[in-house]
Amino acid sequence: MQPDPVAFSPATPPRPVTRLVPGLLGLALGLSACAGPGSVGVAPTRAALEARVLENPGDVEALRDLGALLAVDEEYGPALGALRQALALAPQDGQTLYFTGLVHEALDQPAEAEDAYARYLGVDTQDAYRDSLRGRLNGLVRARLQREFADALAVED
């Protein structure tokens, strides 16, 4: 049986990421809760994270996780605020850059998402999020080039 050529066409636009972002962030937040030393695998609550940030405004992990938790709840503005604070403290943290890019994608801000993902070059080569940053950047750039190409062809016609 032959695959449907339309389904595999390179001109097929990518699926909107807006509905995907809370799930990706929730998954990543849950995985990070399981990965910590001495962790029992329970993701922190919003109240607990806010308390940690109040107690120590320089706690990059608490800011990043708070931003992710807010994004899961689709509170993208406050999420970006927390993530920007985390990036100000740790500008090359791969996980924070990844979450920031996902939030920008959810807000339909592909240029800002590309900017966040493009910073993977400064991320440590051993960072678990480096490949994910590069992969999301490649997908966004590919989609942008497809749109630009389609627009150029439409003008030509």
Protein backbone atom coordinates (compact mmCIF):
# COMPACT_ATOMS: atom_id res chain seq x y z
CA MET A 1 0.00 0.00 0.00
CA GLN A 2 1.37 3.38 -1.03
CA PRO A 3 1.43 6.24 1.52
CA ASP A 4 -0.76 9.24 0.79
CA PRO A 5 1.60 11.75 -0.93
CA VAL A 6 -0.27 14.73 0.56
CA ALA A 7 0.29 13.50 4.11
CA PHE A 8 4.05 13.38 3.50
CA SER A 9 4.35 16.51 1.40
CA PRO A 10 7.16 18.83 2.51
CA ALA A 11 4.72 21.72 2.07
CA THR A 12 2.45 20.33 4.81
CA PRO A 13 2.53 22.92 7.59
CA PRO A 14 3.75 21.77 10.99
CA ARG A 15 1.18 21.00 13.67
CA PRO A 16 0.46 23.97 15.92
CA VAL A 17 2.53 23.69 19.05
CA THR A 18 0.14 25.65 21.30
CA ARG A 19 -1.65 22.54 22.54
CA LEU A 20 1.58 20.59 22.74
CA VAL A 21 3.51 23.05 24.91
CA PRO A 22 1.80 22.43 28.27
CA GLY A 23 2.30 18.70 27.80
CA LEU A 24 5.97 19.03 26.89
CA LEU A 25 6.61 21.36 29.79
CA GLY A 26 4.72 19.14 32.20
CA LEU A 27 6.68 16.13 31.06
CA ALA A 28 9.99 17.95 31.35
CA LEU A 29 9.07 19.36 34.75
CA GLY A 30 8.09 15.91 35.97
CA LEU A 31 11.30 14.39 34.65
CA SER A 32 13.41 17.07 36.30
CA ALA A 33 11.68 16.38 39.62
CA CYS A 34 12.62 12.72 39.27
CA ALA A 35 16.21 13.47 38.32
CA GLY A 36 17.32 15.45 41.37
CA PRO A 37 19.58 13.88 43.98
CA GLY A 38 17.55 12.48 46.85
CA SER A 39 14.34 13.23 44.97
CA VAL A 40 11.29 11.09 45.52
CA GLY A 41 9.91 11.96 42.08
CA VAL A 42 7.27 14.48 43.14
CA ALA A 43 7.00 17.68 41.12
CA PRO A 44 7.00 20.78 43.33
CA THR A 45 3.82 22.79 43.75
CA ARG A 46 3.43 26.36 42.61
CA ALA A 47 3.21 27.56 46.21
CA ALA A 48 6.40 25.71 47.15
CA LEU A 49 8.27 27.17 44.17
CA GLU A 50 7.03 30.69 44.86
CA ALA A 51 8.18 30.32 48.48
CA ARG A 52 11.63 29.15 47.33
CA VAL A 53 11.93 32.14 44.98
CA LEU A 54 10.88 34.55 47.75
CA GLU A 55 13.40 33.00 50.10
CA ASN A 56 16.17 32.94 47.49
CA PRO A 57 15.57 35.08 44.37
CA GLY A 58 18.76 33.64 42.86
CA ASP A 59 17.46 30.05 42.85
CA VAL A 60 17.66 29.32 39.13
CA GLU A 61 16.06 25.89 39.44
CA ALA A 62 13.06 27.26 41.37
CA LEU A 63 12.60 30.12 38.86
CA ARG A 64 12.85 27.74 35.90
CA ASP A 65 10.46 25.21 37.41
CA LEU A 66 8.03 27.96 38.39
CA GLY A 67 8.11 29.24 34.81
CA ALA A 68 7.44 25.75 33.49
CA LEU A 69 4.60 25.19 35.95
CA LEU A 70 3.00 28.51 35.00
CA ALA A 71 3.30 27.60 31.31
CA VAL A 72 1.64 24.23 31.94
CA ASP A 73 -1.26 26.24 33.38
CA GLU A 74 -1.10 28.39 30.22
CA GLU A 75 -0.11 31.51 32.18
CA TYR A 76 2.46 32.40 29.56
CA GLY A 77 3.21 36.01 30.56
CA PRO A 78 4.16 35.17 34.17
CA ALA A 79 5.94 32.05 32.88
CA LEU A 80 8.16 34.16 30.63
CA GLY A 81 8.86 36.52 33.52
CA ALA A 82 10.13 33.67 35.72
CA LEU A 83 12.11 32.14 32.86
CA ARG A 84 13.72 35.49 31.98
CA GLN A 85 14.79 35.89 35.61
CA ALA A 86 16.32 32.41 35.50
CA LEU A 87 18.13 33.22 32.24
CA ALA A 88 19.50 36.44 33.72
CA LEU A 89 21.16 34.30 36.39
CA ALA A 90 22.16 31.35 34.17
CA PRO A 91 22.06 32.50 30.52
CA GLN A 92 23.29 29.18 29.09
CA ASP A 93 21.05 26.80 31.02
CA GLY A 94 19.71 24.45 28.37
CA GLN A 95 16.52 23.51 30.18
CA THR A 96 15.58 27.16 30.78
CA LEU A 97 16.28 28.05 27.15
CA TYR A 98 14.17 25.09 26.03
CA PHE A 99 11.23 26.08 28.24
CA THR A 100 11.55 29.71 27.08
CA GLY A 101 11.40 28.63 23.44
CA LEU A 102 8.36 26.44 24.07
CA VAL A 103 6.51 29.33 25.73
CA HIS A 104 7.32 31.61 22.80
CA GLU A 105 6.00 28.94 20.45
CA ALA A 106 2.79 28.73 22.47
CA LEU A 107 2.45 32.51 22.15
CA ASP A 108 2.92 32.19 18.36
CA GLN A 109 6.22 34.08 18.54
CA PRO A 110 8.40 31.90 16.31
CA ALA A 111 11.21 34.47 15.92
CA GLU A 112 11.63 34.72 19.69
CA ALA A 113 11.47 30.93 19.99
CA GLU A 114 14.18 30.63 17.32
CA ASP A 115 16.32 33.11 19.27
CA ALA A 116 15.99 31.04 22.45
CA TYR A 117 16.74 27.76 20.68
CA ALA A 118 19.64 29.26 18.71
CA ARG A 119 21.47 29.85 21.96
CA TYR A 120 22.13 26.09 22.11
CA LEU A 121 25.58 26.84 20.69
CA GLY A 122 26.56 28.35 24.05
CA VAL A 123 25.08 25.46 26.03
CA ASP A 124 27.51 22.91 27.44
CA THR A 125 27.89 19.94 25.10
CA GLN A 126 26.99 17.59 27.98
CA ASP A 127 23.70 19.41 28.71
CA ALA A 128 20.78 17.01 28.20
CA TYR A 129 18.73 19.77 26.50
CA ARG A 130 21.32 20.76 23.87
CA ASP A 131 20.05 18.31 21.23
CA SER A 132 16.42 19.21 21.96
CA LEU A 133 17.22 22.90 21.51
CA ARG A 134 18.91 22.20 18.17
CA GLY A 135 16.04 19.96 17.04
CA ARG A 136 13.33 22.54 17.83
CA LEU A 137 15.41 25.25 16.14
CA ASN A 138 15.77 23.10 13.02
CA GLY A 139 12.01 22.49 12.93
CA LEU A 140 11.17 26.19 13.28
CA VAL A 141 13.71 27.26 10.67
CA ARG A 142 12.46 24.59 8.26
CA ALA A 143 8.84 25.74 8.74
CA ARG A 144 9.82 29.40 8.28
CA LEU A 145 11.72 28.63 5.08
CA GLN A 146 8.77 26.64 3.72
CA ARG A 147 6.44 29.58 4.41
CA GLU A 148 8.85 32.04 2.81
CA PHE A 149 9.25 29.80 -0.23
CA ALA A 150 5.47 29.39 -0.60
CA ASP A 151 5.01 33.16 -0.26
CA ALA A 152 7.67 33.78 -2.93
CA LEU A 153 5.97 31.34 -5.29
CA ALA A 154 2.59 32.98 -4.67
CA VAL A 155 4.02 36.40 -5.57
CA GLU A 156 5.59 34.95 -8.70
CA ASP A 157 2.24 33.57 -9.94
